[in-house]
Amino acid sequence: MTFNFDQWVDRSHSDSVKWNRYDPSVIPLWVADTDFASPPAVKRDLQQRVAEGLFGYGSTPDELMQLVIKRLQQRYHWAIKPEWIVWMPAVVSALNIAVRAFSTAQDSVFLPTPIYPPFIQAAQYEGRRLRPLSSKVEAGHWVTDLNSQDSEIDGSEKLLMLCNPNNPTGTVFRREELLQHLAFAQKHQLVVCSDEIHSDLILEQGVAHIPFASLNDDAAQRSVTLLSPSKTFSIAGLGLSMAIIPNPELRQQFNDAKGHLLPDINLLAYVAATAAYREGDAWLEALLDYLRGNRALAMTRINAMPGLSMLNIEGTYLGWIDTTQSGISDPHRFFLEAGVALTSGKDFGNPAFVRINLGCRRALLQEALDRMETALLAG
């Protein structure tokens, strides 16, 4: 079966957050939401389920549970048990529950920066102190500088947040880099909450995603791993994710903090996730090939634009653009006025950067890059 990712799915007149935030003349390449239709099996199974016409309470399908276990073993060589999985409506919800479960108002949270804004917000909402860990470029990609907060560490730190593959930089952490994070967590006696929602979206050939919890038993026993099919299969609006917690004490703490604050999983989300994991891999491989083409286009064009640079995107469909050399004081506003909506780096902790979403048809990406280049040359 062939899949056409150049097909235009018009979301401009729908309920799409991505397409309704800005004026219709603006190309929206901001929020991490793709414009690709979900795999055929997902659409088929949802249509069949909706045709039944009854939408009462549901429970986790046994098939989905087994598909997740099989998938993690086959793709990442990570053997998990069913009881380790805590089903959640969203990864963002799980981030907030993790902060609540594993720290108190007197504690601090380590946050590598730049990082997905809900990490920062989760700590702030719960009144935790932030310990930002800066990033640096090594071997052609962004890595965490685990020594950047040495003088500030006071023993109040209880939690290390990790995002791998990283949003927004596109880094896929290598085993040695993950082991360094583990050694840091061991030294400071930290629980590690690892958001791995983009783990299926590895673009760099020869690079593999390694779950933090799969490093060794110590990593497993101090970790909470967050996963979801939402980014991979274009089903973010349905709401389903997983917190995988091998340590029974940590799992109990997490469940106690969750309590009844969150709704049960949408039964249509169960249907979509089951279909995606059962029959979506051929579609996913075709998607990855298409995204690699978008990456090649964006890398060539952006790095040729005056004052801009972007490192290779190893995973995710997100690029982290450095505008430092351009002299632009507010790059988000600059490109928005040029008709391209990117995500401001200020949200991630660095206003000199913007994040671009490459999860769109290539013609639209080409047009956005043309607008960006024209604005820079005119400016």
Protein backbone atom coordinates (compact mmCIF):
# COMPACT_ATOMS: atom_id res chain seq x y z
CA MET A 1 0.00 0.00 0.00
CA THR A 2 1.22 3.50 -0.81
CA PHE A 3 0.48 6.58 1.26
CA ASN A 4 0.21 10.11 -0.08
CA PHE A 5 1.55 12.62 2.45
CA ASP A 6 1.35 15.37 -0.15
CA GLN A 7 -2.43 15.15 -0.02
CA TRP A 8 -3.97 18.39 1.22
CA VAL A 9 -6.19 17.94 4.25
CA ASP A 10 -7.85 21.33 4.72
CA ARG A 11 -8.08 22.00 8.46
CA SER A 12 -8.51 25.76 8.18
CA HIS A 13 -12.31 25.57 8.60
CA SER A 14 -12.24 22.86 11.29
CA ASP A 15 -11.78 22.92 15.06
CA SER A 16 -7.98 22.64 14.64
CA VAL A 17 -6.01 24.54 17.29
CA LYS A 18 -3.06 24.66 14.92
CA TRP A 19 -4.95 26.27 12.06
CA ASN A 20 -7.26 28.61 14.00
CA ARG A 21 -4.82 30.46 16.21
CA TYR A 22 -3.62 32.88 13.54
CA ASP A 23 -5.02 34.70 10.52
CA PRO A 24 -5.84 32.31 7.63
CA SER A 25 -3.10 33.91 5.55
CA VAL A 26 -0.45 32.68 8.02
CA ILE A 27 1.20 29.27 7.52
CA PRO A 28 1.01 27.53 10.93
CA LEU A 29 4.20 25.62 11.71
CA TRP A 30 4.05 26.04 15.46
CA VAL A 31 2.30 23.45 17.68
CA ALA A 32 3.57 19.84 17.43
CA ASP A 33 0.59 18.55 15.46
CA THR A 34 0.95 17.15 11.95
CA ASP A 35 -1.32 17.76 8.97
CA PHE A 36 -1.24 14.12 7.86
CA ALA A 37 -4.34 11.94 7.90
CA SER A 38 -4.12 9.03 10.34
CA PRO A 39 -3.37 5.50 9.07
CA PRO A 40 -6.22 3.85 7.15
CA ALA A 41 -6.72 1.21 9.86
CA VAL A 42 -7.30 3.93 12.44
CA LYS A 43 -9.96 5.62 10.33
CA ARG A 44 -11.60 2.29 9.48
CA ASP A 45 -11.83 1.06 13.08
CA LEU A 46 -13.08 4.40 14.35
CA GLN A 47 -15.79 4.47 11.70
CA GLN A 48 -16.86 0.94 12.63
CA ARG A 49 -16.96 1.77 16.33
CA VAL A 50 -18.92 4.99 15.79
CA ALA A 51 -21.40 3.10 13.59
CA GLU A 52 -22.34 1.00 16.63
CA GLY A 53 -23.92 4.15 18.04
CA LEU A 54 -23.41 3.44 21.75
CA PHE A 55 -20.63 5.11 23.74
CA GLY A 56 -20.81 3.94 27.33
CA TYR A 57 -17.94 3.39 29.72
CA GLY A 58 -15.03 1.37 28.36
CA SER A 59 -11.95 -0.38 29.68
CA THR A 60 -8.45 -1.01 28.36
CA PRO A 61 -8.60 -3.67 25.61
CA ASP A 62 -6.46 -6.72 26.30
CA GLU A 63 -5.28 -6.52 22.70
CA LEU A 64 -3.92 -3.01 23.22
CA MET A 65 -2.08 -4.07 26.36
CA GLN A 66 -0.40 -6.93 24.51
CA LEU A 67 0.40 -4.76 21.49
CA VAL A 68 2.17 -2.21 23.71
CA ILE A 69 4.21 -4.91 25.46
CA LYS A 70 5.16 -6.52 22.15
CA ARG A 71 6.01 -3.18 20.56
CA LEU A 72 8.36 -2.08 23.32
CA GLN A 73 10.14 -5.43 23.23
CA GLN A 74 10.52 -5.55 19.45
CA ARG A 75 11.37 -1.89 18.81
CA TYR A 76 13.39 -1.02 21.91
CA HIS A 77 14.38 -4.36 23.49
CA TRP A 78 12.54 -3.32 26.63
CA ALA A 79 10.57 -6.03 28.42
CA ILE A 80 7.75 -4.61 30.53
CA LYS A 81 4.91 -6.11 32.55
CA PRO A 82 1.21 -5.19 32.21
CA GLU A 83 0.95 -3.99 35.80
CA TRP A 84 3.65 -1.37 35.17
CA ILE A 85 1.35 0.60 32.85
CA VAL A 86 -0.77 3.44 34.21
CA TRP A 87 -3.12 4.65 31.47
CA MET A 88 -3.44 8.42 31.21
CA PRO A 89 -5.46 10.81 29.04
CA ALA A 90 -2.36 12.85 28.11
CA VAL A 91 1.39 13.06 28.63
CA VAL A 92 1.01 16.64 29.90
CA SER A 93 -1.32 15.37 32.64
CA ALA A 94 1.27 12.75 33.54
CA LEU A 95 4.01 15.40 33.82
CA ASN A 96 1.91 17.28 36.35
CA ILE A 97 1.08 14.13 38.31
CA ALA A 98 4.77 13.15 38.40
CA VAL A 99 5.78 16.51 39.87
CA ARG A 100 3.00 16.23 42.47
CA ALA A 101 3.85 12.61 43.32
CA PHE A 102 7.62 12.82 43.66
CA SER A 103 8.27 16.25 45.16
CA THR A 104 6.82 18.61 47.75
CA ALA A 105 6.44 22.38 47.90
CA GLN A 106 9.82 22.55 49.64
CA ASP A 107 11.57 20.57 46.88
CA SER A 108 13.25 21.45 43.60
CA VAL A 109 13.00 19.92 40.13
CA PHE A 110 15.83 19.62 37.61
CA LEU A 111 14.76 20.74 34.13
CA PRO A 112 17.17 20.45 31.19
CA THR A 113 16.66 23.48 28.96
CA PRO A 114 15.46 24.12 26.36
CA ILE A 115 12.51 21.84 27.04
CA TYR A 116 8.85 21.45 26.15
CA PRO A 117 7.00 24.26 28.03
CA PRO A 118 4.55 21.98 29.93
CA PHE A 119 7.58 20.60 31.84
CA ILE A 120 8.26 24.09 33.16
CA GLN A 121 4.59 24.78 33.76
CA ALA A 122 4.10 21.52 35.66
CA ALA A 123 6.76 22.50 38.18
CA GLN A 124 5.44 26.05 38.43
CA TYR A 125 1.81 24.99 38.88
CA GLU A 126 2.81 22.81 41.82
CA GLY A 127 4.93 25.57 43.37
CA ARG A 128 8.25 23.74 42.95
CA ARG A 129 11.56 25.51 42.59
CA LEU A 130 13.21 25.09 39.20
CA ARG A 131 16.79 23.96 38.72
CA PRO A 132 17.40 24.56 34.99
CA LEU A 133 20.23 22.55 33.43
CA SER A 134 21.56 24.28 30.33
CA SER A 135 22.37 22.50 27.08
CA LYS A 136 25.48 22.60 24.93
CA VAL A 137 26.42 21.32 21.50
CA GLU A 138 28.54 18.17 21.41
CA ALA A 139 29.13 15.86 18.45
CA GLY A 140 26.71 17.86 16.32
CA HIS A 141 23.70 17.79 18.63
CA TRP A 142 22.37 19.37 21.80
CA VAL A 143 23.14 17.60 25.09
CA THR A 144 22.44 18.42 28.73
CA ASP A 145 25.23 20.13 30.65
CA LEU A 146 24.82 18.21 33.88
CA ASN A 147 27.42 20.39 35.62
CA SER A 148 25.70 23.68 34.92
CA GLN A 149 23.94 23.86 38.32
CA ASP A 150 26.67 22.50 40.59
CA SER A 151 26.91 25.65 42.69
CA GLU A 152 23.12 25.82 43.22
CA ILE A 153 22.41 22.24 44.27
CA ASP A 154 21.35 22.12 47.92
CA GLY A 155 19.81 18.68 48.43
CA SER A 156 16.22 19.82 47.92
CA GLU A 157 16.17 18.32 44.41
CA LYS A 158 13.95 15.24 44.07
CA LEU A 159 13.07 14.91 40.39
CA LEU A 160 14.91 15.02 37.06
CA MET A 161 12.74 15.66 34.02
CA LEU A 162 13.98 14.27 30.71
CA CYS A 163 12.64 14.63 27.17
CA ASN A 164 13.98 12.05 24.70
CA PRO A 165 13.83 12.47 21.75
CA ASN A 166 14.14 16.07 22.78
CA ASN A 167 11.52 18.66 22.06
CA PRO A 168 12.57 21.21 20.75
CA THR A 169 16.15 20.34 19.71
CA GLY A 170 15.51 17.03 17.95
CA THR A 171 18.32 15.29 19.84
CA VAL A 172 18.09 11.52 20.29
CA PHE A 173 20.22 10.76 23.33
CA ARG A 174 22.82 8.04 22.91
CA ARG A 175 23.38 5.31 25.49
CA GLU A 176 26.45 7.00 27.02
CA GLU A 177 24.55 10.27 27.35
CA LEU A 178 21.65 8.52 29.06
CA LEU A 179 24.07 6.79 31.41
CA GLN A 180 25.40 10.21 32.36
CA HIS A 181 21.86 11.27 33.24
CA LEU A 182 21.50 8.10 35.28
CA ALA A 183 24.76 8.76 37.16
CA PHE A 184 23.51 12.29 37.89
CA ALA A 185 20.23 10.87 39.22
CA GLN A 186 22.09 8.34 41.36
CA LYS A 187 24.42 11.01 42.78
CA HIS A 188 21.51 13.23 43.81
CA GLN A 189 19.01 10.44 44.62
CA LEU A 190 16.47 11.54 42.01
CA VAL A 191 13.39 10.05 40.43
CA VAL A 192 13.58 10.44 36.64
CA CYS A 193 10.48 11.31 34.62
CA SER A 194 11.28 10.62 30.96
CA ASP A 195 8.91 11.90 28.29
CA GLU A 196 9.47 9.64 25.28
CA ILE A 197 6.37 10.54 23.28
CA HIS A 198 8.42 11.05 20.08
CA SER A 199 10.28 7.73 20.38
CA ASP A 200 8.77 6.26 17.19
CA LEU A 201 9.82 9.31 15.17
CA ILE A 202 13.53 8.66 14.65
CA LEU A 203 14.75 10.30 11.44
CA GLU A 204 18.50 9.75 11.63
CA GLN A 205 19.60 6.48 10.03
CA GLY A 206 21.73 4.37 12.35
CA VAL A 207 20.39 6.06 15.49
CA ALA A 208 18.06 4.15 17.80
CA HIS A 209 15.80 5.31 20.59
CA ILE A 210 16.79 3.85 23.97
CA PRO A 211 14.21 4.05 26.77
CA PHE A 212 15.82 5.44 29.91
CA ALA A 213 14.26 2.67 32.00
CA SER A 214 15.85 0.01 29.78
CA LEU A 215 19.43 1.03 30.68
CA ASN A 216 19.59 -1.23 33.74
CA ASP A 217 17.57 -2.16 36.81
CA ASP A 218 18.57 0.94 38.74
CA ALA A 219 17.27 3.16 35.92
CA ALA A 220 14.05 1.15 35.81
CA GLN A 221 13.46 1.36 39.56
CA ARG A 222 13.85 5.16 39.71
CA SER A 223 11.94 6.06 36.53
CA VAL A 224 8.58 6.98 35.09
CA THR A 225 8.44 6.67 31.29
CA LEU A 226 5.76 8.55 29.38
CA LEU A 227 4.61 7.26 25.99
CA SER A 228 1.73 7.82 23.59
CA PRO A 229 0.74 6.99 20.01
CA SER A 230 -0.64 10.51 19.60
CA LYS A 231 2.25 12.29 17.87
CA THR A 232 3.20 9.29 15.76
CA PHE A 233 -0.22 8.49 14.30
CA SER A 234 -1.92 11.92 14.25
CA ILE A 235 -4.41 11.09 17.00
CA ALA A 236 -3.46 13.71 19.62
CA GLY A 237 -7.02 15.00 19.85
CA LEU A 238 -8.33 11.65 21.10
CA GLY A 239 -6.28 11.56 24.29
CA LEU A 240 -4.35 8.44 25.36
CA SER A 241 -0.94 7.99 26.92
CA MET A 242 0.91 5.68 29.26
CA ALA A 243 3.07 6.12 32.33
CA ILE A 244 5.23 3.01 32.65
CA ILE A 245 6.48 2.62 36.21
CA PRO A 246 8.35 -0.60 37.12
CA ASN A 247 8.87 0.31 40.79
CA PRO A 248 5.67 -0.59 42.71
CA GLU A 249 6.28 2.08 45.38
CA LEU A 250 6.71 4.82 42.77
CA ARG A 251 3.67 3.50 40.92
CA GLN A 252 1.58 3.69 44.08
CA GLN A 253 2.78 7.25 44.75
CA PHE A 254 1.89 8.19 41.18
CA ASN A 255 -1.57 6.63 41.41
CA ASP A 256 -2.20 8.26 44.80
CA ALA A 257 -1.32 11.66 43.35
CA LYS A 258 -3.51 11.02 40.33
CA GLY A 259 -6.49 9.95 42.43
CA HIS A 260 -9.70 10.86 40.63
CA LEU A 261 -8.42 14.13 39.22
CA LEU A 262 -8.34 12.87 35.65
CA PRO A 263 -11.04 11.38 33.42
CA ASP A 264 -10.96 7.83 32.15
CA ILE A 265 -9.52 7.21 28.70
CA ASN A 266 -11.82 8.10 25.82
CA LEU A 267 -13.06 4.79 24.42
CA LEU A 268 -12.42 6.00 20.85
CA ALA A 269 -8.81 6.66 21.84
CA TYR A 270 -8.53 2.98 22.80
CA VAL A 271 -9.90 2.02 19.38
CA ALA A 272 -7.50 4.32 17.52
CA ALA A 273 -4.43 3.28 19.52
CA THR A 274 -5.18 -0.41 19.08
CA ALA A 275 -5.57 -0.04 15.32
CA ALA A 276 -2.42 2.08 15.06
CA TYR A 277 -0.24 -0.35 16.96
CA ARG A 278 -1.74 -3.37 15.19
CA GLU A 279 -1.60 -2.14 11.60
CA GLY A 280 0.15 1.23 11.47
CA ASP A 281 3.81 0.38 11.05
CA ALA A 282 3.88 0.41 7.22
CA TRP A 283 2.26 3.84 7.31
CA LEU A 284 4.80 4.94 9.94
CA GLU A 285 7.78 3.85 7.83
CA ALA A 286 6.39 5.80 4.87
CA LEU A 287 5.83 8.81 7.13
CA LEU A 288 9.43 8.69 8.36
CA ASP A 289 10.72 8.65 4.79
CA TYR A 290 8.56 11.68 3.98
CA LEU A 291 9.70 13.55 7.09
CA ARG A 292 13.32 12.86 6.16
CA GLY A 293 12.63 14.62 2.88
CA ASN A 294 11.11 17.57 4.72
CA ARG A 295 14.10 17.62 7.04
CA ALA A 296 16.55 17.68 4.14
CA LEU A 297 14.68 20.59 2.55
CA ALA A 298 14.48 22.56 5.79
CA MET A 299 18.11 21.94 6.74
CA THR A 300 19.37 23.10 3.35
CA ARG A 301 17.17 26.17 3.14
CA ILE A 302 17.40 27.38 6.75
CA ASN A 303 21.16 27.01 7.05
CA ALA A 304 21.53 29.05 3.85
CA MET A 305 19.42 31.93 5.18
CA PRO A 306 21.31 34.95 6.54
CA GLY A 307 21.70 34.81 10.31
CA LEU A 308 19.95 31.47 10.82
CA SER A 309 21.28 28.03 11.72
CA MET A 310 19.72 24.72 12.69
CA LEU A 311 21.41 21.52 13.80
CA ASN A 312 20.42 18.16 12.37
CA ILE A 313 17.04 16.86 13.54
CA GLU A 314 17.70 13.30 14.72
CA GLY A 315 14.20 12.60 15.99
CA THR A 316 10.76 14.26 16.12
CA TYR A 317 9.52 16.50 13.28
CA LEU A 318 10.63 19.65 15.12
CA GLY A 319 13.59 21.91 14.37
CA TRP A 320 15.32 24.37 16.73
CA ILE A 321 16.39 27.44 14.76
CA ASP A 322 19.09 29.74 16.14
CA THR A 323 18.52 33.35 15.07
CA THR A 324 21.30 34.86 17.19
CA GLN A 325 23.40 36.01 14.24
CA SER A 326 20.44 37.63 12.48
CA GLY A 327 20.18 40.57 14.86
CA ILE A 328 16.39 40.10 15.07
CA SER A 329 15.16 41.08 18.53
CA ASP A 330 11.91 39.08 18.38
CA PRO A 331 12.20 36.28 15.80
CA HIS A 332 8.75 34.90 16.51
CA ARG A 333 7.08 38.22 15.71
CA PHE A 334 9.41 38.81 12.75
CA PHE A 335 8.44 35.57 11.00
CA LEU A 336 4.79 35.90 11.99
CA GLU A 337 4.69 39.27 10.23
CA ALA A 338 6.19 37.46 7.23
CA GLY A 339 3.27 35.03 7.28
CA VAL A 340 4.83 32.05 9.09
CA ALA A 341 3.83 31.06 12.62
CA LEU A 342 6.66 29.34 14.49
CA THR A 343 6.86 28.68 18.22
CA SER A 344 8.74 31.30 20.21
CA GLY A 345 11.90 30.07 21.88
CA LYS A 346 10.93 32.19 24.86
CA ASP A 347 8.44 29.47 25.80
CA PHE A 348 11.32 26.99 25.99
CA GLY A 349 13.71 29.29 27.83
CA ASN A 350 15.62 31.01 24.98
CA PRO A 351 14.01 33.86 23.02
CA ALA A 352 16.82 33.88 20.43
CA PHE A 353 15.43 30.63 18.99
CA VAL A 354 12.23 29.58 17.26
CA ARG A 355 10.87 26.06 16.77
CA ILE A 356 9.58 24.91 13.40
CA ASN A 357 7.18 22.01 12.81
CA LEU A 358 8.00 20.01 9.67
CA GLY A 359 4.91 17.79 9.94
CA CYS A 360 3.15 19.18 6.88
CA ARG A 361 2.97 18.61 3.14
CA ARG A 362 6.17 19.59 1.39
CA ALA A 363 4.63 22.28 -0.80
CA LEU A 364 3.42 24.12 2.30
CA LEU A 365 6.84 23.84 3.93
CA GLN A 366 8.45 25.16 0.75
CA GLU A 367 6.13 28.16 0.76
CA ALA A 368 6.88 28.87 4.43
CA LEU A 369 10.62 28.72 3.82
CA ASP A 370 10.23 31.05 0.84
CA ARG A 371 8.43 33.59 3.04
CA MET A 372 11.09 33.35 5.74
CA GLU A 373 13.92 33.85 3.27
CA THR A 374 12.19 36.77 1.54
CA ALA A 375 11.67 38.52 4.89
CA LEU A 376 15.28 38.03 5.92
CA LEU A 377 16.66 39.32 2.61
CA ALA A 378 14.34 42.32 2.75
CA GLY A 379 15.18 43.10 6.34
